[in-house]
């Protein structure tokens, strides 16, 4: 086990950069993957948000860069502009400590393409960071030359797939040398991603970094029933109960983000808004202002859940549960970072019961709460299922009809016969359920065995 970054044998300037960041002990993903990447092996790193994966690939990449070669040596793609800016900021922090200049280029949609082309015609960066669309656009414009690159990072691969950018990433990879070290980082590895991995990766080192808990133990994870109350009013009261350092409110749609933000503004709060329809320049400005803590309240879509990496987010409020439950983890993971305390509050209605149970099945534990007389107090709503007695016996319509008919005739021993009939029906349903579970288990096992064939 590596107890210090010194164990990796990184160049002195990188150790200086880590000292400035106050990074002392490597995180599990860094400990496992930095030595492997330094050996030149391709890797698939499966880890949750906030695991430290950005430096797991940036450190060995910078360690390998030759500043004397004024050519592209590494390409990093990420599905959102916010993530690209974040990685670019981390890369610039490392680069400033290098005795010889290492140029890092950041290329995302919505920025001045002509200006980027003009600069690329004068000089090529050693490291390219950007969104797949803009990076591919610059390659196809013969401005960005990546045929010299030997390292390619696909960050947040599952999100890249979800947003429809995998085809562009495929085309970027196709422009690189055949002997390419590829690093794919993803919170999950969906089945649709596997053909891409097999196409470009020959026996990669696969590391699934387990998390001690699905969400950080430093997060108070509350569940609040709306109970027919106005969600907007509830969100406002939650935001103004205490004095949050920085609070993020997540909604499932851009329309809902605007609705919440307008309501909060009407109540006198200064609110930042982040969603995909904002022009790139405005999104960059808002993100910068949020980073500078010019806003205390931010309302955003899931785009920001994996794009905002701000120290000191004290509260996260979920206006609703996201359709993709993985995004719940990413949202809540914006708070309670680096050992700091955080509070996550999820609003739910009876219609959300199945999704709540699915989250609980994933290992997420909620503390039931309610807003009473202007205070957050414990609630026991979520325990109501435990208090119930035996579940009512579920019977089919035909069986119910048979019982009704038997009751009318009231023949001796009819209760026993009905009981036996119900038992037979339940046993049959139980056998069917077991067979279905066995088939599903076989399918999962088969998919797992064929994972990287």
Protein backbone atom coordinates (compact mmCIF):
# COMPACT_ATOMS: atom_id res chain seq x y z
CA UNK A 1 0.00 0.00 0.00
CA UNK A 2 1.30 3.44 -0.98
CA UNK A 3 1.29 5.69 2.06
CA UNK A 4 2.75 8.65 0.17
CA UNK A 5 2.84 10.02 -3.38
CA UNK A 6 6.64 9.70 -3.11
CA UNK A 7 6.23 5.93 -3.60
CA UNK A 8 5.20 6.51 -7.25
CA UNK A 9 8.54 8.03 -8.29
CA UNK A 10 6.93 11.08 -9.89
CA UNK A 11 9.01 13.98 -11.21
CA UNK A 12 9.98 16.59 -8.57
CA UNK A 13 7.76 19.33 -10.04
CA UNK A 14 4.71 17.11 -9.59
CA UNK A 15 5.59 16.57 -5.95
CA UNK A 16 5.78 20.36 -5.57
CA UNK A 17 2.32 20.68 -7.11
CA UNK A 18 0.92 18.03 -4.75
CA UNK A 19 2.45 19.83 -1.76
CA UNK A 20 0.69 23.02 -2.85
CA UNK A 21 -2.60 21.06 -3.00
CA UNK A 22 -1.88 19.55 0.43
CA UNK A 23 -2.28 16.05 -1.05
CA UNK A 24 -0.45 13.64 1.24
CA UNK A 25 -1.92 10.14 1.06
CA UNK A 26 -3.10 8.72 -2.29
CA UNK A 27 -6.76 7.82 -2.59
CA UNK A 28 -7.60 4.16 -3.50
CA UNK A 29 -8.10 4.89 -7.23
CA UNK A 30 -4.77 6.76 -7.34
CA UNK A 31 -2.96 4.07 -5.40
CA UNK A 32 -4.18 1.33 -7.74
CA UNK A 33 -3.95 3.06 -11.12
CA UNK A 34 -1.02 5.49 -11.09
CA UNK A 35 1.64 2.70 -11.11
CA UNK A 36 -0.26 0.80 -13.84
CA UNK A 37 -0.64 3.90 -16.05
CA UNK A 38 3.05 4.73 -15.52
CA UNK A 39 3.86 1.28 -16.94
CA UNK A 40 2.03 2.25 -20.14
CA UNK A 41 -0.89 -0.15 -19.72
CA UNK A 42 -4.45 0.64 -20.81
CA UNK A 43 -6.90 0.81 -17.94
CA UNK A 44 -10.59 0.85 -17.17
CA UNK A 45 -11.15 2.61 -13.86
CA UNK A 46 -14.61 2.22 -12.43
CA UNK A 47 -15.09 4.58 -9.52
CA UNK A 48 -17.68 6.92 -8.11
CA UNK A 49 -17.62 10.68 -8.20
CA UNK A 50 -15.21 12.35 -5.77
CA UNK A 51 -12.87 9.34 -5.79
CA UNK A 52 -9.80 11.30 -6.94
CA UNK A 53 -9.67 9.80 -10.45
CA UNK A 54 -8.73 13.10 -12.17
CA UNK A 55 -5.28 13.11 -10.57
CA UNK A 56 -5.08 9.32 -11.06
CA UNK A 57 -4.65 9.99 -14.79
CA UNK A 58 -3.24 13.56 -14.81
CA UNK A 59 -0.20 12.76 -12.66
CA UNK A 60 1.16 9.87 -14.80
CA UNK A 61 0.34 11.79 -18.00
CA UNK A 62 2.34 14.84 -16.86
CA UNK A 63 5.11 12.53 -15.65
CA UNK A 64 5.46 11.18 -19.20
CA UNK A 65 5.16 14.46 -21.15
CA UNK A 66 8.28 15.60 -22.99
CA UNK A 67 8.12 19.42 -23.15
CA UNK A 68 10.89 19.45 -25.80
CA UNK A 69 8.49 17.83 -28.28
CA UNK A 70 6.16 20.60 -29.33
CA UNK A 71 3.36 18.23 -30.34
CA UNK A 72 0.19 16.69 -28.92
CA UNK A 73 1.10 13.80 -26.61
CA UNK A 74 -2.14 13.23 -24.65
CA UNK A 75 -5.84 13.81 -25.34
CA UNK A 76 -8.53 13.93 -22.64
CA UNK A 77 -12.23 14.07 -23.54
CA UNK A 78 -15.08 14.67 -21.15
CA UNK A 79 -18.81 14.96 -21.92
CA UNK A 80 -19.57 18.39 -20.43
CA UNK A 81 -17.95 21.79 -20.63
CA UNK A 82 -17.99 22.13 -16.86
CA UNK A 83 -16.00 18.92 -16.45
CA UNK A 84 -13.55 20.06 -19.12
CA UNK A 85 -12.99 23.35 -17.30
CA UNK A 86 -12.51 21.48 -14.04
CA UNK A 87 -9.88 19.09 -15.48
CA UNK A 88 -8.22 22.00 -17.30
CA UNK A 89 -7.91 23.87 -13.98
CA UNK A 90 -6.31 20.83 -12.34
CA UNK A 91 -3.94 20.39 -15.30
CA UNK A 92 -2.88 24.06 -15.28
CA UNK A 93 -2.08 23.78 -11.57
CA UNK A 94 0.30 20.89 -12.30
CA UNK A 95 1.77 22.54 -15.40
CA UNK A 96 2.74 25.78 -13.62
CA UNK A 97 5.26 23.85 -11.49
CA UNK A 98 7.07 22.34 -14.51
CA UNK A 99 10.53 23.86 -15.10
CA UNK A 100 9.92 23.62 -18.86
CA UNK A 101 6.62 24.98 -20.19
CA UNK A 102 3.91 22.37 -20.79
CA UNK A 103 1.10 23.76 -22.92
CA UNK A 104 -2.44 22.62 -22.09
CA UNK A 105 -5.26 23.34 -24.54
CA UNK A 106 -8.92 23.49 -23.52
CA UNK A 107 -11.44 23.09 -26.35
CA UNK A 108 -15.18 23.08 -25.69
CA UNK A 109 -18.27 23.95 -27.68
CA UNK A 110 -19.60 27.50 -27.66
CA UNK A 111 -16.14 29.10 -27.54
CA UNK A 112 -14.36 31.03 -30.31
CA UNK A 113 -13.39 28.32 -32.80
CA UNK A 114 -11.63 30.67 -35.25
CA UNK A 115 -9.40 31.98 -32.49
CA UNK A 116 -8.56 28.40 -31.45
CA UNK A 117 -7.70 27.45 -35.05
CA UNK A 118 -5.44 30.50 -35.46
CA UNK A 119 -3.56 29.62 -32.27
CA UNK A 120 -3.25 25.93 -33.22
CA UNK A 121 -1.72 26.89 -36.55
CA UNK A 122 1.05 28.63 -34.62
CA UNK A 123 1.62 25.93 -32.00
CA UNK A 124 0.18 22.62 -30.82
CA UNK A 125 -0.39 21.92 -27.11
CA UNK A 126 1.25 18.94 -25.42
CA UNK A 127 -2.03 18.08 -23.66
CA UNK A 128 -5.51 18.44 -25.17
CA UNK A 129 -8.60 18.65 -22.94
CA UNK A 130 -12.08 19.17 -24.29
CA UNK A 131 -15.55 18.02 -25.22
CA UNK A 132 -15.71 15.38 -28.01
CA UNK A 133 -17.60 17.59 -30.47
CA UNK A 134 -15.19 20.53 -30.43
CA UNK A 135 -12.05 18.36 -30.33
CA UNK A 136 -13.27 16.37 -33.38
CA UNK A 137 -14.26 19.59 -35.14
CA UNK A 138 -10.74 21.00 -34.74
CA UNK A 139 -9.22 17.71 -35.96
CA UNK A 140 -11.45 17.65 -39.04
CA UNK A 141 -10.57 21.32 -39.70
CA UNK A 142 -6.90 20.20 -39.92
CA UNK A 143 -6.08 22.56 -37.06
CA UNK A 144 -5.50 20.06 -34.26
CA UNK A 145 -2.98 17.30 -35.02
CA UNK A 146 -3.39 14.32 -32.69
CA UNK A 147 -1.63 11.61 -34.73
CA UNK A 148 1.39 12.07 -32.40
CA UNK A 149 -0.60 11.39 -29.22
CA UNK A 150 0.17 8.17 -27.36
CA UNK A 151 -2.29 8.56 -24.48
CA UNK A 152 -6.07 8.97 -24.66
CA UNK A 153 -8.37 9.47 -21.66
CA UNK A 154 -12.14 9.07 -21.96
CA UNK A 155 -13.46 10.54 -18.73
CA UNK A 156 -17.03 9.89 -17.51
CA UNK A 157 -17.52 7.30 -20.27
CA UNK A 158 -21.03 6.35 -19.15
CA UNK A 159 -22.15 9.99 -19.32
CA UNK A 160 -20.41 10.29 -22.73
CA UNK A 161 -22.54 7.37 -23.91
CA UNK A 162 -25.76 8.74 -22.36
CA UNK A 163 -25.32 12.12 -24.07
CA UNK A 164 -24.67 10.51 -27.48
CA UNK A 165 -20.99 11.51 -27.80
CA UNK A 166 -19.47 8.03 -28.05
CA UNK A 167 -19.45 8.10 -31.87
CA UNK A 168 -17.40 11.31 -31.81
CA UNK A 169 -14.98 9.78 -29.28
CA UNK A 170 -14.70 6.75 -31.58
CA UNK A 171 -13.71 9.01 -34.49
CA UNK A 172 -11.13 10.81 -32.34
CA UNK A 173 -9.58 7.50 -31.29
CA UNK A 174 -9.50 6.45 -34.96
CA UNK A 175 -7.17 9.38 -35.73
CA UNK A 176 -4.60 8.25 -33.18
CA UNK A 177 -1.74 5.75 -33.55
CA UNK A 178 -2.58 2.05 -33.38
CA UNK A 179 -0.29 1.68 -30.39
CA UNK A 180 -2.31 3.78 -28.00
CA UNK A 181 -2.58 3.77 -24.23
CA UNK A 182 -6.24 4.29 -23.49
CA UNK A 183 -7.64 5.16 -20.09
CA UNK A 184 -11.40 4.94 -19.59
CA UNK A 185 -12.95 6.24 -16.38
CA UNK A 186 -16.57 5.69 -15.57
CA UNK A 187 -18.89 5.42 -12.58
CA UNK A 188 -20.65 2.50 -14.31
CA UNK A 189 -19.85 0.29 -17.32
CA UNK A 190 -23.09 -0.04 -19.33
CA UNK A 191 -23.41 -2.92 -21.82
CA UNK A 192 -23.55 -0.46 -24.76
CA UNK A 193 -20.09 0.79 -23.81
CA UNK A 194 -18.42 -2.62 -23.99
CA UNK A 195 -18.08 -2.86 -27.84
CA UNK A 196 -16.13 0.42 -27.79
CA UNK A 197 -13.84 -0.88 -25.03
CA UNK A 198 -13.19 -4.13 -26.93
CA UNK A 199 -12.45 -2.21 -30.14
CA UNK A 200 -9.63 -0.12 -28.68
CA UNK A 201 -8.44 -1.99 -25.61
CA UNK A 202 -6.59 -5.27 -25.63
CA UNK A 203 -6.58 -6.88 -22.18
CA UNK A 204 -6.85 -3.63 -20.21
CA UNK A 205 -6.25 -3.55 -16.48
CA UNK A 206 -9.74 -3.28 -15.00
CA UNK A 207 -9.99 -1.78 -11.55
CA UNK A 208 -13.34 -1.39 -9.83
CA UNK A 209 -12.71 0.83 -6.85
CA UNK A 210 -15.21 -0.10 -4.15
CA UNK A 211 -16.61 2.61 -1.98
CA UNK A 212 -17.04 2.01 1.73
CA UNK A 213 -20.56 3.33 1.43
CA UNK A 214 -22.65 4.42 -1.54
CA UNK A 215 -22.60 7.98 -0.29
CA UNK A 216 -20.07 9.58 2.04
CA UNK A 217 -20.64 8.94 5.75
CA UNK A 218 -20.12 12.68 6.29
CA UNK A 219 -23.45 13.37 4.55
CA UNK A 220 -26.74 13.59 6.44
CA UNK A 221 -29.13 12.05 3.90
CA UNK A 222 -32.67 13.21 4.65
CA UNK A 223 -35.96 12.22 3.04
CA UNK A 224 -38.84 14.69 3.20
CA UNK A 225 -42.39 13.98 2.11
CA UNK A 226 -44.06 16.88 0.29
CA UNK A 227 -47.49 15.75 1.62
CA UNK A 228 -49.35 17.88 -0.88
CA UNK A 229 -47.38 21.01 -0.01
CA UNK A 230 -45.99 23.40 -2.60
CA UNK A 231 -42.51 22.17 -3.56
CA UNK A 232 -41.34 25.69 -4.35
CA UNK A 233 -42.39 26.94 -0.93
CA UNK A 234 -40.81 23.93 0.77
CA UNK A 235 -37.49 24.46 -1.06
CA UNK A 236 -37.49 28.15 -0.07
CA UNK A 237 -38.13 27.30 3.60
CA UNK A 238 -35.38 24.63 3.58
CA UNK A 239 -32.89 27.06 2.05
CA UNK A 240 -33.65 29.80 4.57
CA UNK A 241 -33.94 27.68 7.73
CA UNK A 242 -30.26 27.86 8.56
CA UNK A 243 -27.38 29.64 6.92
CA UNK A 244 -26.10 27.32 4.16
CA UNK A 245 -22.59 28.08 2.97
CA UNK A 246 -23.50 27.03 -0.56
CA UNK A 247 -26.67 25.15 -1.49
CA UNK A 248 -27.35 23.29 -4.75
CA UNK A 249 -30.92 22.53 -5.82
CA UNK A 250 -31.25 19.84 -8.51
CA UNK A 251 -34.28 19.43 -10.76
CA UNK A 252 -34.95 16.88 -13.51
CA UNK A 253 -35.76 19.33 -16.34
CA UNK A 254 -34.59 22.74 -17.56
CA UNK A 255 -38.19 23.99 -17.31
CA UNK A 256 -38.37 23.00 -13.65
CA UNK A 257 -34.98 24.63 -12.95
CA UNK A 258 -36.29 27.93 -14.33
CA UNK A 259 -39.54 27.62 -12.33
CA UNK A 260 -37.69 27.04 -9.04
CA UNK A 261 -35.13 29.80 -9.73
CA UNK A 262 -37.83 32.36 -10.61
CA UNK A 263 -39.78 31.53 -7.44
CA UNK A 264 -36.69 31.83 -5.23
CA UNK A 265 -35.76 35.13 -6.89
CA UNK A 266 -39.31 36.41 -6.26
CA UNK A 267 -38.70 35.67 -2.56
CA UNK A 268 -35.59 37.85 -2.60
CA UNK A 269 -32.86 35.22 -2.95
CA UNK A 270 -29.86 35.68 -5.25
CA UNK A 271 -29.83 32.52 -7.36
CA UNK A 272 -27.51 31.14 -10.05
CA UNK A 273 -29.02 28.97 -12.79
CA UNK A 274 -27.15 26.25 -14.71
CA UNK A 275 -28.65 24.15 -17.50
CA UNK A 276 -27.80 22.98 -21.01
CA UNK A 277 -29.61 25.78 -22.87
CA UNK A 278 -27.42 28.53 -21.44
CA UNK A 279 -24.94 29.96 -23.98
CA UNK A 280 -21.40 28.67 -23.36
CA UNK A 281 -20.06 32.08 -22.40
CA UNK A 282 -22.83 32.61 -19.85
CA UNK A 283 -22.39 29.12 -18.40
CA UNK A 284 -18.67 29.74 -17.99
CA UNK A 285 -19.36 33.10 -16.33
CA UNK A 286 -21.94 31.61 -13.94
CA UNK A 287 -19.62 28.72 -13.05
CA UNK A 288 -16.81 31.18 -12.33
CA UNK A 289 -19.11 33.28 -10.12
CA UNK A 290 -20.27 30.14 -8.27
CA UNK A 291 -16.63 29.11 -7.76
CA UNK A 292 -15.95 32.59 -6.37
CA UNK A 293 -18.93 32.17 -4.00
CA UNK A 294 -20.77 35.15 -5.49
CA UNK A 295 -23.92 33.03 -5.13
CA UNK A 296 -25.20 31.21 -2.07
CA UNK A 297 -27.87 29.30 -4.00
CA UNK A 298 -27.56 27.39 -7.30
CA UNK A 299 -30.39 25.67 -9.17
CA UNK A 300 -29.23 23.19 -11.81
CA UNK A 301 -30.00 20.18 -13.97
CA UNK A 302 -27.98 16.95 -13.75
CA UNK A 303 -25.47 18.45 -16.16
CA UNK A 304 -24.01 20.19 -13.14
CA UNK A 305 -24.14 17.16 -10.85
CA UNK A 306 -20.98 15.80 -12.44
CA UNK A 307 -19.56 19.17 -13.42
CA UNK A 308 -19.54 21.18 -10.22
CA UNK A 309 -16.64 20.35 -7.96
CA UNK A 310 -16.71 23.09 -5.36
CA UNK A 311 -15.30 22.78 -1.87
CA UNK A 312 -17.81 23.83 0.72
CA UNK A 313 -21.16 22.81 -0.77
CA UNK A 314 -23.07 22.49 2.51
CA UNK A 315 -26.52 21.51 1.21
CA UNK A 316 -27.97 19.59 -1.73
CA UNK A 317 -31.73 19.57 -2.29
CA UNK A 318 -33.33 17.17 -4.77
CA UNK A 319 -36.55 18.65 -6.14
CA UNK A 320 -37.33 15.12 -7.30
CA UNK A 321 -35.63 11.79 -7.86
CA UNK A 322 -33.73 11.55 -11.20
CA UNK A 323 -34.88 8.95 -13.74
CA UNK A 324 -31.36 7.53 -13.83
CA UNK A 325 -30.80 6.60 -10.18
CA UNK A 326 -27.00 6.81 -10.59
CA UNK A 327 -27.44 10.56 -10.91
CA UNK A 328 -28.84 10.60 -7.37
CA UNK A 329 -25.40 9.52 -6.13
CA UNK A 330 -23.69 12.17 -8.26
CA UNK A 331 -26.02 14.89 -6.98
CA UNK A 332 -25.66 14.00 -3.32
CA UNK A 333 -21.89 13.58 -3.82
CA UNK A 334 -21.53 17.33 -4.40
CA UNK A 335 -21.63 17.83 -0.62
CA UNK A 336 -19.73 16.15 2.20
CA UNK A 337 -16.50 16.20 0.18
CA UNK A 338 -12.96 15.90 1.53
CA UNK A 339 -14.21 14.87 4.95
CA UNK A 340 -16.45 17.91 5.43
CA UNK A 341 -20.01 17.63 6.72
CA UNK A 342 -22.92 18.03 4.33
CA UNK A 343 -26.69 17.69 4.20
CA UNK A 344 -28.67 16.17 1.33
CA UNK A 345 -32.45 16.56 1.31
CA UNK A 346 -34.68 14.66 -1.12
CA UNK A 347 -38.30 15.68 -1.60
CA UNK A 348 -40.65 12.85 -2.48
CA UNK A 349 -44.33 12.10 -2.98
CA UNK A 350 -46.19 8.75 -2.77
CA UNK A 351 -45.63 8.34 -6.53
CA UNK A 352 -41.88 8.10 -5.84
CA UNK A 353 -42.18 5.11 -3.50
CA UNK A 354 -40.75 2.57 -5.99
CA UNK A 355 -37.75 4.78 -6.76
CA UNK A 356 -37.07 5.33 -3.05
CA UNK A 357 -37.13 1.57 -2.50
CA UNK A 358 -34.79 1.07 -5.48
CA UNK A 359 -32.33 3.56 -3.95
CA UNK A 360 -32.54 1.74 -0.63
CA UNK A 361 -31.84 -1.53 -2.47
CA UNK A 362 -28.64 0.13 -3.78
CA UNK A 363 -27.51 0.54 -0.18
CA UNK A 364 -28.55 4.18 0.27
CA UNK A 365 -29.92 4.91 3.72
CA UNK A 366 -32.33 7.76 4.36
CA UNK A 367 -33.24 9.55 7.56
CA UNK A 368 -36.98 10.37 7.41
CA UNK A 369 -37.64 14.00 8.32
CA UNK A 370 -40.45 16.52 8.21
CA UNK A 371 -40.77 20.30 8.43
CA UNK A 372 -42.83 21.14 11.50
CA UNK A 373 -43.36 24.61 13.00
CA UNK A 374 -40.38 25.95 11.08
CA UNK A 375 -38.04 23.17 12.23
CA UNK A 376 -36.72 19.94 10.71
CA UNK A 377 -37.75 17.06 12.98
CA UNK A 378 -37.54 13.28 12.81
CA UNK A 379 -40.37 11.49 11.07
CA UNK A 380 -41.27 7.82 11.07
CA UNK A 381 -43.17 7.73 7.80
CA UNK A 382 -40.57 5.57 6.11
CA UNK A 383 -40.89 2.90 8.82
CA UNK A 384 -44.59 2.40 8.31
CA UNK A 385 -44.02 -0.79 6.30
CA UNK A 386 -42.20 -2.35 9.26
CA UNK A 387 -45.15 -1.60 11.54
CA UNK A 388 -47.61 -3.37 9.34
CA UNK A 389 -48.77 -6.83 10.27
CA UNK A 390 -48.93 -9.65 7.77
CA UNK A 391 -49.27 -8.56 4.19
CA UNK A 392 -52.73 -9.25 2.77
CA UNK A 393 -52.80 -12.44 0.74
CA UNK A 394 -52.69 -11.58 -2.96
CA UNK A 395 -55.07 -13.74 -4.98
CA UNK A 396 -56.07 -13.74 -8.61
CA UNK A 397 -59.44 -12.57 -9.89
CA UNK A 398 -60.52 -16.11 -10.72
CA UNK A 399 -59.65 -17.26 -7.21
CA UNK A 400 -61.62 -14.37 -5.69
CA UNK A 401 -64.60 -15.44 -7.81
CA UNK A 402 -64.27 -19.02 -6.63
CA UNK A 403 -64.25 -17.89 -2.97
CA UNK A 404 -67.33 -15.74 -3.51
CA UNK A 405 -69.13 -18.66 -5.15
CA UNK A 406 -68.10 -21.07 -2.39
CA UNK A 407 -69.32 -18.66 0.31
CA UNK A 408 -72.73 -18.55 -1.31
CA UNK A 409 -73.05 -22.36 -1.24
CA UNK A 410 -71.58 -22.64 2.28
CA UNK A 411 -70.89 -26.36 2.01
CA UNK A 412 -69.14 -28.18 4.87
CA UNK A 413 -65.32 -27.91 4.71
CA UNK A 414 -65.33 -25.08 2.13
CA UNK A 415 -62.87 -23.01 4.18
CA UNK A 416 -60.30 -25.81 4.09
CA UNK A 417 -60.74 -26.29 0.36
CA UNK A 418 -60.33 -22.55 -0.31
CA UNK A 419 -57.23 -22.42 1.91
CA UNK A 420 -55.66 -25.32 0.01
CA UNK A 421 -56.52 -23.73 -3.34
CA UNK A 422 -54.93 -20.43 -2.28
CA UNK A 423 -51.81 -22.25 -1.08
CA UNK A 424 -51.51 -24.08 -4.40
CA UNK A 425 -51.83 -20.82 -6.33
CA UNK A 426 -49.24 -19.10 -4.12
CA UNK A 427 -46.81 -22.01 -4.49
CA UNK A 428 -47.17 -21.90 -8.26
CA UNK A 429 -46.51 -18.13 -8.31
CA UNK A 430 -43.51 -18.65 -6.02
CA UNK A 431 -42.04 -21.25 -8.37
CA UNK A 432 -42.53 -18.93 -11.36
CA UNK A 433 -40.82 -16.10 -9.44
CA UNK A 434 -37.85 -18.33 -8.55
CA UNK A 435 -37.44 -19.44 -12.18
CA UNK A 436 -37.49 -15.80 -13.33
CA UNK A 437 -34.80 -14.87 -10.78
CA UNK A 438 -32.67 -17.84 -11.86
CA UNK A 439 -32.93 -16.83 -15.53
CA UNK A 440 -31.96 -13.23 -14.66
CA UNK A 441 -28.98 -14.46 -12.62
CA UNK A 442 -27.81 -16.63 -15.55
CA UNK A 443 -28.08 -13.66 -17.92
CA UNK A 444 -26.04 -11.45 -15.56
CA UNK A 445 -23.41 -14.17 -15.15
CA UNK A 446 -23.15 -14.63 -18.92
CA UNK A 447 -22.86 -10.87 -19.50
CA UNK A 448 -20.17 -10.66 -16.81
CA UNK A 449 -18.13 -13.51 -18.34
CA UNK A 450 -18.29 -11.92 -21.79
CA UNK A 451 -17.36 -8.51 -20.41
CA UNK A 452 -14.09 -8.07 -22.28
CA UNK A 453 -13.94 -11.04 -24.62
